[in-house]
Amino acid sequence: MNSLKPEDTAVYYCAAQLDTLTNLYYTTTPSTYTYWGQGTQVTV
């Protein structure tokens, strides 16, 4: 993450899903991801 802005402040999570579909809904919707990390705080 470069050129960070104050509005980038958030808890950042990674998540995993089976790579079976590539439509916009499947790839960008949190509920379609099966596994999640605990998150890491980013404060700008």
PDB file of all heavy atoms in Angstrom:
ATOM      1  N   MET A   1       0.850  -1.185   0.000  1.00  0.00           N
ATOM      2  CA  MET A   1       0.000   0.000   0.000  1.00  0.00           C
ATOM      3  C   MET A   1       0.887   1.236   0.000  1.00  0.00           C
ATOM      4  O   MET A   1       1.682   1.440   0.936  1.00  0.00           O
ATOM      5  CB  MET A   1      -0.908   0.000   1.234  1.00  0.00           C
ATOM      6  CG  MET A   1      -1.734  -1.267   1.381  1.00  0.00           C
ATOM      7  SD  MET A   1      -2.907  -1.193   2.749  1.00  0.00           S
ATOM      8  CE  MET A   1      -1.789  -1.099   4.145  1.00  0.00           C
ATOM      9  N   ASN A   2       0.762   2.029  -1.035  1.00  0.00           N
ATOM     10  CA  ASN A   2       1.571   3.238  -1.186  1.00  0.00           C
ATOM     11  C   ASN A   2       0.692   4.490  -1.140  1.00  0.00           C
ATOM     12  O   ASN A   2      -0.525   4.410  -1.312  1.00  0.00           O
ATOM     13  CB  ASN A   2       2.324   3.193  -2.516  1.00  0.00           C
ATOM     14  CG  ASN A   2       3.288   2.036  -2.599  1.00  0.00           C
ATOM     15  OD1 ASN A   2       3.880   1.614  -1.603  1.00  0.00           O
ATOM     16  ND2 ASN A   2       3.454   1.508  -3.804  1.00  0.00           N
ATOM     17  N   SER A   3       1.333   5.624  -0.922  1.00  0.00           N
ATOM     18  CA  SER A   3       0.636   6.921  -0.896  1.00  0.00           C
ATOM     19  C   SER A   3      -0.592   6.856   0.003  1.00  0.00           C
ATOM     20  O   SER A   3      -1.693   7.258  -0.392  1.00  0.00           O
ATOM     21  CB  SER A   3       0.241   7.334  -2.318  1.00  0.00           C
ATOM     22  OG  SER A   3       1.367   7.415  -3.153  1.00  0.00           O
ATOM     23  N   LEU A   4      -0.401   6.342   1.178  1.00  0.00           N
ATOM     24  CA  LEU A   4      -1.533   6.120   2.080  1.00  0.00           C
ATOM     25  C   LEU A   4      -2.179   7.428   2.503  1.00  0.00           C
ATOM     26  O   LEU A   4      -1.508   8.464   2.656  1.00  0.00           O
ATOM     27  CB  LEU A   4      -1.088   5.319   3.293  1.00  0.00           C
ATOM     28  CG  LEU A   4      -0.880   3.822   3.016  1.00  0.00           C
ATOM     29  CD1 LEU A   4      -0.060   3.173   4.095  1.00  0.00           C
ATOM     30  CD2 LEU A   4      -2.224   3.130   2.859  1.00  0.00           C
ATOM     31  N   LYS A   5      -3.476   7.363   2.705  1.00  0.00           N
ATOM     32  CA  LYS A   5      -4.287   8.507   3.084  1.00  0.00           C
ATOM     33  C   LYS A   5      -4.999   8.211   4.396  1.00  0.00           C
ATOM     34  O   LYS A   5      -5.240   7.039   4.722  1.00  0.00           O
ATOM     35  CB  LYS A   5      -5.323   8.793   1.997  1.00  0.00           C
ATOM     36  CG  LYS A   5      -4.750   8.982   0.609  1.00  0.00           C
ATOM     37  CD  LYS A   5      -5.860   9.120  -0.417  1.00  0.00           C
ATOM     38  CE  LYS A   5      -5.288   9.266  -1.821  1.00  0.00           C
ATOM     39  NZ  LYS A   5      -6.355   9.399  -2.844  1.00  0.00           N
ATOM     40  N   PRO A   6      -5.385   9.233   5.132  1.00  0.00           N
ATOM     41  CA  PRO A   6      -6.119   8.983   6.385  1.00  0.00           C
ATOM     42  C   PRO A   6      -7.366   8.126   6.175  1.00  0.00           C
ATOM     43  O   PRO A   6      -7.719   7.326   7.047  1.00  0.00           O
ATOM     44  CB  PRO A   6      -6.467  10.393   6.865  1.00  0.00           C
ATOM     45  CG  PRO A   6      -5.360  11.240   6.327  1.00  0.00           C
ATOM     46  CD  PRO A   6      -5.033  10.648   4.984  1.00  0.00           C
ATOM     47  N   GLU A   7      -8.003   8.248   5.026  1.00  0.00           N
ATOM     48  CA  GLU A   7      -9.215   7.454   4.767  1.00  0.00           C
ATOM     49  C   GLU A   7      -8.918   5.981   4.518  1.00  0.00           C
ATOM     50  O   GLU A   7      -9.838   5.169   4.413  1.00  0.00           O
ATOM     51  CB  GLU A   7     -10.006   8.035   3.595  1.00  0.00           C
ATOM     52  CG  GLU A   7      -9.206   8.296   2.347  1.00  0.00           C
ATOM     53  CD  GLU A   7      -8.735   9.746   2.247  1.00  0.00           C
ATOM     54  OE1 GLU A   7      -8.289  10.305   3.273  1.00  0.00           O
ATOM     55  OE2 GLU A   7      -8.812  10.295   1.123  1.00  0.00           O
ATOM     56  N   ASP A   8      -7.638   5.613   4.438  1.00  0.00           N
ATOM     57  CA  ASP A   8      -7.265   4.199   4.351  1.00  0.00           C
ATOM     58  C   ASP A   8      -7.233   3.531   5.721  1.00  0.00           C
ATOM     59  O   ASP A   8      -7.038   2.324   5.826  1.00  0.00           O
ATOM     60  CB  ASP A   8      -5.887   4.047   3.691  1.00  0.00           C
ATOM     61  CG  ASP A   8      -5.882   4.478   2.246  1.00  0.00           C
ATOM     62  OD1 ASP A   8      -6.842   4.133   1.515  1.00  0.00           O
ATOM     63  OD2 ASP A   8      -4.909   5.142   1.835  1.00  0.00           O
ATOM     64  N   THR A   9      -7.406   4.313   6.770  1.00  0.00           N
ATOM     65  CA  THR A   9      -7.409   3.771   8.123  1.00  0.00           C
ATOM     66  C   THR A   9      -8.547   2.774   8.289  1.00  0.00           C
ATOM     67  O   THR A   9      -9.703   3.090   8.020  1.00  0.00           O
ATOM     68  CB  THR A   9      -7.553   4.907   9.155  1.00  0.00           C
ATOM     69  OG1 THR A   9      -6.389   5.739   9.082  1.00  0.00           O
ATOM     70  CG2 THR A   9      -7.706   4.353  10.560  1.00  0.00           C
ATOM     71  N   ALA A  10      -8.203   1.569   8.727  1.00  0.00           N
ATOM     72  CA  ALA A  10      -9.183   0.492   8.865  1.00  0.00           C
ATOM     73  C   ALA A  10      -8.482  -0.742   9.427  1.00  0.00           C
ATOM     74  O   ALA A  10      -7.254  -0.791   9.497  1.00  0.00           O
ATOM     75  CB  ALA A  10      -9.817   0.156   7.516  1.00  0.00           C
ATOM     76  N   VAL A  11      -9.283  -1.719   9.788  1.00  0.00           N
ATOM     77  CA  VAL A  11      -8.752  -3.063  10.031  1.00  0.00           C
ATOM     78  C   VAL A  11      -8.764  -3.791   8.684  1.00  0.00           C
ATOM     79  O   VAL A  11      -9.786  -3.815   8.002  1.00  0.00           O
ATOM     80  CB  VAL A  11      -9.583  -3.820  11.066  1.00  0.00           C
ATOM     81  CG1 VAL A  11      -9.022  -5.242  11.245  1.00  0.00           C
ATOM     82  CG2 VAL A  11      -9.599  -3.087  12.395  1.00  0.00           C
ATOM     83  N   TYR A  12      -7.631  -4.334   8.332  1.00  0.00           N
ATOM     84  CA  TYR A  12      -7.478  -5.040   7.062  1.00  0.00           C
ATOM     85  C   TYR A  12      -7.506  -6.546   7.327  1.00  0.00           C
ATOM     86  O   TYR A  12      -6.787  -7.047   8.195  1.00  0.00           O
ATOM     87  CB  TYR A  12      -6.180  -4.637   6.383  1.00  0.00           C
ATOM     88  CG  TYR A  12      -6.272  -3.273   5.738  1.00  0.00           C
ATOM     89  CD1 TYR A  12      -6.335  -2.124   6.513  1.00  0.00           C
ATOM     90  CD2 TYR A  12      -6.317  -3.134   4.358  1.00  0.00           C
ATOM     91  CE1 TYR A  12      -6.452  -0.867   5.922  1.00  0.00           C
ATOM     92  CE2 TYR A  12      -6.422  -1.885   3.750  1.00  0.00           C
ATOM     93  CZ  TYR A  12      -6.488  -0.758   4.551  1.00  0.00           C
ATOM     94  OH  TYR A  12      -6.600   0.481   3.964  1.00  0.00           O
ATOM     95  N   TYR A  13      -8.323  -7.235   6.545  1.00  0.00           N
ATOM     96  CA  TYR A  13      -8.488  -8.674   6.667  1.00  0.00           C
ATOM     97  C   TYR A  13      -8.103  -9.356   5.362  1.00  0.00           C
ATOM     98  O   TYR A  13      -8.409  -8.855   4.281  1.00  0.00           O
ATOM     99  CB  TYR A  13      -9.940  -9.027   6.948  1.00  0.00           C
ATOM    100  CG  TYR A  13     -10.517  -8.461   8.220  1.00  0.00           C
ATOM    101  CD1 TYR A  13     -11.137  -7.217   8.228  1.00  0.00           C
ATOM    102  CD2 TYR A  13     -10.458  -9.178   9.412  1.00  0.00           C
ATOM    103  CE1 TYR A  13     -11.687  -6.698   9.391  1.00  0.00           C
ATOM    104  CE2 TYR A  13     -11.004  -8.673  10.583  1.00  0.00           C
ATOM    105  CZ  TYR A  13     -11.614  -7.426  10.562  1.00  0.00           C
ATOM    106  OH  TYR A  13     -12.165  -6.921  11.715  1.00  0.00           O
ATOM    107  N   CYS A  14      -7.491 -10.538   5.484  1.00  0.00           N
ATOM    108  CA  CYS A  14      -7.369 -11.376   4.302  1.00  0.00           C
ATOM    109  C   CYS A  14      -8.356 -12.537   4.436  1.00  0.00           C
ATOM    110  O   CYS A  14      -8.732 -12.918   5.550  1.00  0.00           O
ATOM    111  CB  CYS A  14      -5.947 -11.882   4.087  1.00  0.00           C
ATOM    112  SG  CYS A  14      -5.332 -13.031   5.327  1.00  0.00           S
ATOM    113  N   ALA A  15      -8.765 -13.054   3.310  1.00  0.00           N
ATOM    114  CA  ALA A  15      -9.764 -14.106   3.275  1.00  0.00           C
ATOM    115  C   ALA A  15      -9.518 -14.992   2.072  1.00  0.00           C
ATOM    116  O   ALA A  15      -8.915 -14.563   1.083  1.00  0.00           O
ATOM    117  CB  ALA A  15     -11.162 -13.490   3.206  1.00  0.00           C
ATOM    118  N   ALA A  16      -9.999 -16.219   2.144  1.00  0.00           N
ATOM    119  CA  ALA A  16      -9.794 -17.166   1.054  1.00  0.00           C
ATOM    120  C   ALA A  16     -11.113 -17.763   0.602  1.00  0.00           C
ATOM    121  O   ALA A  16     -12.015 -17.997   1.417  1.00  0.00           O
ATOM    122  CB  ALA A  16      -8.848 -18.283   1.501  1.00  0.00           C
ATOM    123  N   GLN A  17     -11.190 -17.995  -0.705  1.00  0.00           N
ATOM    124  CA  GLN A  17     -12.345 -18.634  -1.305  1.00  0.00           C
ATOM    125  C   GLN A  17     -11.867 -19.555  -2.418  1.00  0.00           C
ATOM    126  O   GLN A  17     -10.800 -19.330  -3.009  1.00  0.00           O
ATOM    127  CB  GLN A  17     -13.329 -17.605  -1.873  1.00  0.00           C
ATOM    128  CG  GLN A  17     -12.786 -16.808  -3.012  1.00  0.00           C
ATOM    129  CD  GLN A  17     -13.770 -15.824  -3.622  1.00  0.00           C
ATOM    130  OE1 GLN A  17     -13.471 -15.171  -4.598  1.00  0.00           O
ATOM    131  NE2 GLN A  17     -14.958 -15.673  -3.095  1.00  0.00           N
ATOM    132  N   LEU A  18     -12.662 -20.573  -2.715  1.00  0.00           N
ATOM    133  CA  LEU A  18     -12.362 -21.408  -3.862  1.00  0.00           C
ATOM    134  C   LEU A  18     -12.427 -20.561  -5.131  1.00  0.00           C
ATOM    135  O   LEU A  18     -13.344 -19.754  -5.305  1.00  0.00           O
ATOM    136  CB  LEU A  18     -13.348 -22.572  -3.946  1.00  0.00           C
ATOM    137  CG  LEU A  18     -13.113 -23.705  -2.957  1.00  0.00           C
ATOM    138  CD1 LEU A  18     -14.273 -24.689  -2.985  1.00  0.00           C
ATOM    139  CD2 LEU A  18     -11.799 -24.423  -3.266  1.00  0.00           C
ATOM    140  N   ASP A  19     -11.472 -20.736  -5.977  1.00  0.00           N
ATOM    141  CA  ASP A  19     -11.379 -19.934  -7.198  1.00  0.00           C
ATOM    142  C   ASP A  19     -12.211 -20.585  -8.299  1.00  0.00           C
ATOM    143  O   ASP A  19     -11.689 -21.068  -9.300  1.00  0.00           O
ATOM    144  CB  ASP A  19      -9.920 -19.811  -7.626  1.00  0.00           C
ATOM    145  CG  ASP A  19      -9.737 -18.815  -8.758  1.00  0.00           C
ATOM    146  OD1 ASP A  19     -10.599 -17.924  -8.923  1.00  0.00           O
ATOM    147  OD2 ASP A  19      -8.738 -18.949  -9.499  1.00  0.00           O
ATOM    148  N   THR A  20     -13.538 -20.583  -8.099  1.00  0.00           N
ATOM    149  CA  THR A  20     -14.429 -21.267  -9.028  1.00  0.00           C
ATOM    150  C   THR A  20     -15.193 -20.328  -9.945  1.00  0.00           C
ATOM    151  O   THR A  20     -15.644 -20.727 -11.005  1.00  0.00           O
ATOM    152  CB  THR A  20     -15.437 -22.116  -8.238  1.00  0.00           C
ATOM    153  OG1 THR A  20     -16.083 -21.289  -7.256  1.00  0.00           O
ATOM    154  CG2 THR A  20     -14.743 -23.272  -7.542  1.00  0.00           C
ATOM    155  N   LEU A  21     -15.370 -19.099  -9.501  1.00  0.00           N
ATOM    156  CA  LEU A  21     -16.112 -18.111 -10.288  1.00  0.00           C
ATOM    157  C   LEU A  21     -15.309 -16.828 -10.370  1.00  0.00           C
ATOM    158  O   LEU A  21     -14.475 -16.545  -9.503  1.00  0.00           O
ATOM    159  CB  LEU A  21     -17.475 -17.825  -9.647  1.00  0.00           C
ATOM    160  CG  LEU A  21     -18.436 -18.990  -9.506  1.00  0.00           C
ATOM    161  CD1 LEU A  21     -19.646 -18.586  -8.668  1.00  0.00           C
ATOM    162  CD2 LEU A  21     -18.880 -19.479 -10.877  1.00  0.00           C
ATOM    163  N   THR A  22     -15.565 -16.052 -11.383  1.00  0.00           N
ATOM    164  CA  THR A  22     -14.842 -14.793 -11.528  1.00  0.00           C
ATOM    165  C   THR A  22     -15.761 -13.597 -11.692  1.00  0.00           C
ATOM    166  O   THR A  22     -15.303 -12.508 -12.031  1.00  0.00           O
ATOM    167  CB  THR A  22     -13.893 -14.852 -12.729  1.00  0.00           C
ATOM    168  OG1 THR A  22     -14.655 -15.147 -13.899  1.00  0.00           O
ATOM    169  CG2 THR A  22     -12.811 -15.896 -12.532  1.00  0.00           C
ATOM    170  N   ASN A  23     -17.072 -13.784 -11.443  1.00  0.00           N
ATOM    171  CA  ASN A  23     -17.939 -12.622 -11.601  1.00  0.00           C
ATOM    172  C   ASN A  23     -17.739 -11.649 -10.457  1.00  0.00           C
ATOM    173  O   ASN A  23     -17.191 -11.984  -9.401  1.00  0.00           O
ATOM    174  CB  ASN A  23     -19.404 -13.048 -11.712  1.00  0.00           C
ATOM    175  CG  ASN A  23     -19.899 -13.745 -10.456  1.00  0.00           C
ATOM    176  OD1 ASN A  23     -20.082 -13.099  -9.416  1.00  0.00           O
ATOM    177  ND2 ASN A  23     -20.129 -15.031 -10.538  1.00  0.00           N
ATOM    178  N   LEU A  24     -18.196 -10.443 -10.667  1.00  0.00           N
ATOM    179  CA  LEU A  24     -17.934  -9.346  -9.729  1.00  0.00           C
ATOM    180  C   LEU A  24     -18.493  -9.652  -8.348  1.00  0.00           C
ATOM    181  O   LEU A  24     -17.843  -9.404  -7.333  1.00  0.00           O
ATOM    182  CB  LEU A  24     -18.527  -8.053 -10.277  1.00  0.00           C
ATOM    183  CG  LEU A  24     -18.240  -6.791  -9.470  1.00  0.00           C
ATOM    184  CD1 LEU A  24     -16.751  -6.507  -9.449  1.00  0.00           C
ATOM    185  CD2 LEU A  24     -19.003  -5.609 -10.069  1.00  0.00           C
ATOM    186  N   TYR A  25     -19.694 -10.171  -8.288  1.00  0.00           N
ATOM    187  CA  TYR A  25     -20.308 -10.452  -6.989  1.00  0.00           C
ATOM    188  C   TYR A  25     -19.469 -11.460  -6.210  1.00  0.00           C
ATOM    189  O   TYR A  25     -19.160 -11.261  -5.037  1.00  0.00           O
ATOM    190  CB  TYR A  25     -21.731 -10.969  -7.172  1.00  0.00           C
ATOM    191  CG  TYR A  25     -22.388 -11.355  -5.870  1.00  0.00           C
ATOM    192  CD1 TYR A  25     -23.013 -10.395  -5.082  1.00  0.00           C
ATOM    193  CD2 TYR A  25     -22.349 -12.672  -5.409  1.00  0.00           C
ATOM    194  CE1 TYR A  25     -23.604 -10.736  -3.879  1.00  0.00           C
ATOM    195  CE2 TYR A  25     -22.936 -13.021  -4.210  1.00  0.00           C
ATOM    196  CZ  TYR A  25     -23.551 -12.055  -3.447  1.00  0.00           C
ATOM    197  OH  TYR A  25     -24.127 -12.394  -2.253  1.00  0.00           O
ATOM    198  N   TYR A  26     -19.093 -12.553  -6.850  1.00  0.00           N
ATOM    199  CA  TYR A  26     -18.380 -13.612  -6.145  1.00  0.00           C
ATOM    200  C   TYR A  26     -17.017 -13.132  -5.660  1.00  0.00           C
ATOM    201  O   TYR A  26     -16.587 -13.452  -4.563  1.00  0.00           O
ATOM    202  CB  TYR A  26     -18.212 -14.814  -7.071  1.00  0.00           C
ATOM    203  CG  TYR A  26     -17.554 -16.000  -6.411  1.00  0.00           C
ATOM    204  CD1 TYR A  26     -18.245 -16.793  -5.505  1.00  0.00           C
ATOM    205  CD2 TYR A  26     -16.234 -16.326  -6.696  1.00  0.00           C
ATOM    206  CE1 TYR A  26     -17.644 -17.886  -4.897  1.00  0.00           C
ATOM    207  CE2 TYR A  26     -15.627 -17.416  -6.093  1.00  0.00           C
ATOM    208  CZ  TYR A  26     -16.338 -18.191  -5.197  1.00  0.00           C
ATOM    209  OH  TYR A  26     -15.730 -19.260  -4.595  1.00  0.00           O
ATOM    210  N   THR A  27     -16.316 -12.389  -6.453  1.00  0.00           N
ATOM    211  CA  THR A  27     -14.947 -12.015  -6.111  1.00  0.00           C
ATOM    212  C   THR A  27     -14.849 -10.877  -5.116  1.00  0.00           C
ATOM    213  O   THR A  27     -13.819 -10.725  -4.462  1.00  0.00           O
ATOM    214  CB  THR A  27     -14.166 -11.633  -7.369  1.00  0.00           C
ATOM    215  OG1 THR A  27     -14.826 -10.548  -8.024  1.00  0.00           O
ATOM    216  CG2 THR A  27     -14.030 -12.804  -8.316  1.00  0.00           C
ATOM    217  N   THR A  28     -15.918 -10.086  -4.957  1.00  0.00           N
ATOM    218  CA  THR A  28     -15.807  -8.895  -4.109  1.00  0.00           C
ATOM    219  C   THR A  28     -16.714  -8.901  -2.880  1.00  0.00           C
ATOM    220  O   THR A  28     -16.632  -7.980  -2.065  1.00  0.00           O
ATOM    221  CB  THR A  28     -16.112  -7.627  -4.918  1.00  0.00           C
ATOM    222  OG1 THR A  28     -17.477  -7.663  -5.352  1.00  0.00           O
ATOM    223  CG2 THR A  28     -15.195  -7.505  -6.132  1.00  0.00           C
ATOM    224  N   THR A  29     -17.558  -9.902  -2.734  1.00  0.00           N
ATOM    225  CA  THR A  29     -18.512  -9.929  -1.621  1.00  0.00           C
ATOM    226  C   THR A  29     -17.972 -10.741  -0.465  1.00  0.00           C
ATOM    227  O   THR A  29     -17.639 -11.913  -0.635  1.00  0.00           O
ATOM    228  CB  THR A  29     -19.853 -10.510  -2.088  1.00  0.00           C
ATOM    229  OG1 THR A  29     -20.351  -9.732  -3.175  1.00  0.00           O
ATOM    230  CG2 THR A  29     -20.864 -10.512  -0.952  1.00  0.00           C
ATOM    231  N   PRO A  30     -17.884 -10.153   0.717  1.00  0.00           N
ATOM    232  CA  PRO A  30     -17.284 -10.857   1.861  1.00  0.00           C
ATOM    233  C   PRO A  30     -17.936 -12.203   2.175  1.00  0.00           C
ATOM    234  O   PRO A  30     -17.242 -13.151   2.543  1.00  0.00           O
ATOM    235  CB  PRO A  30     -17.471  -9.864   3.017  1.00  0.00           C
ATOM    236  CG  PRO A  30     -17.503  -8.530   2.362  1.00  0.00           C
ATOM    237  CD  PRO A  30     -18.185  -8.741   1.060  1.00  0.00           C
ATOM    238  N   SER A  31     -19.241 -12.307   2.011  1.00  0.00           N
ATOM    239  CA  SER A  31     -19.927 -13.537   2.408  1.00  0.00           C
ATOM    240  C   SER A  31     -19.575 -14.728   1.522  1.00  0.00           C
ATOM    241  O   SER A  31     -19.869 -15.870   1.869  1.00  0.00           O
ATOM    242  CB  SER A  31     -21.440 -13.326   2.400  1.00  0.00           C
ATOM    243  OG  SER A  31     -21.886 -12.995   1.100  1.00  0.00           O
ATOM    244  N   THR A  32     -18.950 -14.485   0.383  1.00  0.00           N
ATOM    245  CA  THR A  32     -18.553 -15.600  -0.497  1.00  0.00           C
ATOM    246  C   THR A  32     -17.185 -16.175  -0.126  1.00  0.00           C
ATOM    247  O   THR A  32     -16.754 -17.162  -0.698  1.00  0.00           O
ATOM    248  CB  THR A  32     -18.512 -15.151  -1.964  1.00  0.00           C
ATOM    249  OG1 THR A  32     -17.485 -14.170  -2.136  1.00  0.00           O
ATOM    250  CG2 THR A  32     -19.850 -14.576  -2.401  1.00  0.00           C
ATOM    251  N   TYR A  33     -16.502 -15.575   0.822  1.00  0.00           N
ATOM    252  CA  TYR A  33     -15.196 -16.059   1.275  1.00  0.00           C
ATOM    253  C   TYR A  33     -15.388 -16.965   2.486  1.00  0.00           C
ATOM    254  O   TYR A  33     -16.155 -16.651   3.399  1.00  0.00           O
ATOM    255  CB  TYR A  33     -14.285 -14.883   1.621  1.00  0.00           C
ATOM    256  CG  TYR A  33     -13.747 -14.187   0.390  1.00  0.00           C
ATOM    257  CD1 TYR A  33     -14.557 -13.349  -0.374  1.00  0.00           C
ATOM    258  CD2 TYR A  33     -12.442 -14.397  -0.042  1.00  0.00           C
ATOM    259  CE1 TYR A  33     -14.088 -12.738  -1.515  1.00  0.00           C
ATOM    260  CE2 TYR A  33     -11.960 -13.776  -1.180  1.00  0.00           C
ATOM    261  CZ  TYR A  33     -12.787 -12.958  -1.910  1.00  0.00           C
ATOM    262  OH  TYR A  33     -12.293 -12.343  -3.056  1.00  0.00           O
ATOM    263  N   THR A  34     -14.673 -18.069   2.486  1.00  0.00           N
ATOM    264  CA  THR A  34     -14.877 -19.105   3.496  1.00  0.00           C
ATOM    265  C   THR A  34     -13.995 -18.912   4.725  1.00  0.00           C
ATOM    266  O   THR A  34     -14.448 -19.131   5.850  1.00  0.00           O
ATOM    267  CB  THR A  34     -14.587 -20.486   2.891  1.00  0.00           C
ATOM    268  OG1 THR A  34     -15.385 -20.653   1.716  1.00  0.00           O
ATOM    269  CG2 THR A  34     -14.883 -21.593   3.881  1.00  0.00           C
ATOM    270  N   TYR A  35     -12.758 -18.553   4.483  1.00  0.00           N
ATOM    271  CA  TYR A  35     -11.795 -18.473   5.580  1.00  0.00           C
ATOM    272  C   TYR A  35     -11.324 -17.036   5.755  1.00  0.00           C
ATOM    273  O   TYR A  35     -11.077 -16.338   4.772  1.00  0.00           O
ATOM    274  CB  TYR A  35     -10.592 -19.378   5.299  1.00  0.00           C
ATOM    275  CG  TYR A  35     -10.960 -20.813   5.056  1.00  0.00           C
ATOM    276  CD1 TYR A  35     -10.961 -21.345   3.774  1.00  0.00           C
ATOM    277  CD2 TYR A  35     -11.317 -21.636   6.119  1.00  0.00           C
ATOM    278  CE1 TYR A  35     -11.312 -22.656   3.547  1.00  0.00           C
ATOM    279  CE2 TYR A  35     -11.663 -22.957   5.903  1.00  0.00           C
ATOM    280  CZ  TYR A  35     -11.662 -23.464   4.620  1.00  0.00           C
ATOM    281  OH  TYR A  35     -12.013 -24.772   4.401  1.00  0.00           O
ATOM    282  N   TRP A  36     -11.165 -16.639   7.016  1.00  0.00           N
ATOM    283  CA  TRP A  36     -10.774 -15.259   7.332  1.00  0.00           C
ATOM    284  C   TRP A  36      -9.651 -15.229   8.360  1.00  0.00           C
ATOM    285  O   TRP A  36      -9.589 -16.082   9.258  1.00  0.00           O
ATOM    286  CB  TRP A  36     -11.977 -14.491   7.910  1.00  0.00           C
ATOM    287  CG  TRP A  36     -13.008 -14.185   6.880  1.00  0.00           C
ATOM    288  CD1 TRP A  36     -14.012 -14.999   6.453  1.00  0.00           C
ATOM    289  CD2 TRP A  36     -13.114 -12.976   6.119  1.00  0.00           C
ATOM    290  NE1 TRP A  36     -14.746 -14.363   5.471  1.00  0.00           N
ATOM    291  CE2 TRP A  36     -14.220 -13.127   5.262  1.00  0.00           C
ATOM    292  CE3 TRP A  36     -12.389 -11.780   6.097  1.00  0.00           C
ATOM    293  CZ2 TRP A  36     -14.621 -12.121   4.366  1.00  0.00           C
ATOM    294  CZ3 TRP A  36     -12.790 -10.792   5.221  1.00  0.00           C
ATOM    295  CH2 TRP A  36     -13.888 -10.961   4.371  1.00  0.00           C
ATOM    296  N   GLY A  37      -8.787 -14.243   8.222  1.00  0.00           N
ATOM    297  CA  GLY A  37      -7.822 -13.971   9.261  1.00  0.00           C
ATOM    298  C   GLY A  37      -8.429 -13.098  10.350  1.00  0.00           C
ATOM    299  O   GLY A  37      -9.589 -12.694  10.268  1.00  0.00           O
ATOM    300  N   GLN A  38      -7.621 -12.788  11.340  1.00  0.00           N
ATOM    301  CA  GLN A  38      -8.105 -12.032  12.495  1.00  0.00           C
ATOM    302  C   GLN A  38      -8.069 -10.528  12.262  1.00  0.00           C
ATOM    303  O   GLN A  38      -8.669  -9.766  13.014  1.00  0.00           O
ATOM    304  CB  GLN A  38      -7.281 -12.383  13.746  1.00  0.00           C
ATOM    305  CG  GLN A  38      -5.945 -11.651  13.866  1.00  0.00           C
ATOM    306  CD  GLN A  38      -4.888 -12.125  12.883  1.00  0.00           C
ATOM    307  OE1 GLN A  38      -5.063 -13.128  12.198  1.00  0.00           O
ATOM    308  NE2 GLN A  38      -3.781 -11.393  12.826  1.00  0.00           N
ATOM    309  N   GLY A  39      -7.378 -10.089  11.241  1.00  0.00           N
ATOM    310  CA  GLY A  39      -7.310  -8.677  10.910  1.00  0.00           C
ATOM    311  C   GLY A  39      -6.070  -8.007  11.474  1.00  0.00           C
ATOM    312  O   GLY A  39      -5.514  -8.438  12.496  1.00  0.00           O
ATOM    313  N   THR A  40      -5.636  -6.948  10.807  1.00  0.00           N
ATOM    314  CA  THR A  40      -4.516  -6.156  11.275  1.00  0.00           C
ATOM    315  C   THR A  40      -4.868  -4.674  11.107  1.00  0.00           C
ATOM    316  O   THR A  40      -5.410  -4.274  10.065  1.00  0.00           O
ATOM    317  CB  THR A  40      -3.216  -6.515  10.527  1.00  0.00           C
ATOM    318  OG1 THR A  40      -2.117  -5.806  11.103  1.00  0.00           O
ATOM    319  CG2 THR A  40      -3.293  -6.203   9.040  1.00  0.00           C
ATOM    320  N   GLN A  41      -4.587  -3.882  12.125  1.00  0.00           N
ATOM    321  CA  GLN A  41      -4.981  -2.475  12.122  1.00  0.00           C
ATOM    322  C   GLN A  41      -3.992  -1.637  11.319  1.00  0.00           C
ATOM    323  O   GLN A  41      -2.777  -1.731  11.514  1.00  0.00           O
ATOM    324  CB  GLN A  41      -5.049  -1.938  13.553  1.00  0.00           C
ATOM    325  CG  GLN A  41      -5.365  -0.462  13.666  1.00  0.00           C
ATOM    326  CD  GLN A  41      -6.796  -0.136  13.278  1.00  0.00           C
ATOM    327  OE1 GLN A  41      -7.734  -0.812  13.715  1.00  0.00           O
ATOM    328  NE2 GLN A  41      -6.973   0.907  12.463  1.00  0.00           N
ATOM    329  N   VAL A  42      -4.528  -0.818  10.446  1.00  0.00           N
ATOM    330  CA  VAL A  42      -3.741   0.177   9.716  1.00  0.00           C
ATOM    331  C   VAL A  42      -4.285   1.555  10.078  1.00  0.00           C
ATOM    332  O   VAL A  42      -5.484   1.810   9.912  1.00  0.00           O
ATOM    333  CB  VAL A  42      -3.818  -0.042   8.196  1.00  0.00           C
ATOM    334  CG1 VAL A  42      -3.169   1.130   7.453  1.00  0.00           C
ATOM    335  CG2 VAL A  42      -3.144  -1.358   7.831  1.00  0.00           C
ATOM    336  N   THR A  43      -3.421   2.406  10.583  1.00  0.00           N
ATOM    337  CA  THR A  43      -3.809   3.758  10.945  1.00  0.00           C
ATOM    338  C   THR A  43      -2.917   4.751  10.206  1.00  0.00           C
ATOM    339  O   THR A  43      -1.689   4.668  10.312  1.00  0.00           O
ATOM    340  CB  THR A  43      -3.704   3.994  12.457  1.00  0.00           C
ATOM    341  OG1 THR A  43      -4.501   3.021  13.143  1.00  0.00           O
ATOM    342  CG2 THR A  43      -4.183   5.385  12.826  1.00  0.00           C
ATOM    343  N   VAL A  44      -3.537   5.641   9.461  1.00  0.00           N
ATOM    344  CA  VAL A  44      -2.802   6.644   8.698  1.00  0.00           C
ATOM    345  C   VAL A  44      -3.088   8.005   9.303  1.00  0.00           C
ATOM    346  O   VAL A  44      -4.250   8.443   9.328  1.00  0.00           O
ATOM    347  CB  VAL A  44      -3.198   6.611   7.220  1.00  0.00           C
ATOM    348  CG1 VAL A  44      -2.336   7.602   6.424  1.00  0.00           C
ATOM    349  CG2 VAL A  44      -3.053   5.205   6.655  1.00  0.00           C
TER     350      VAL A  44
END
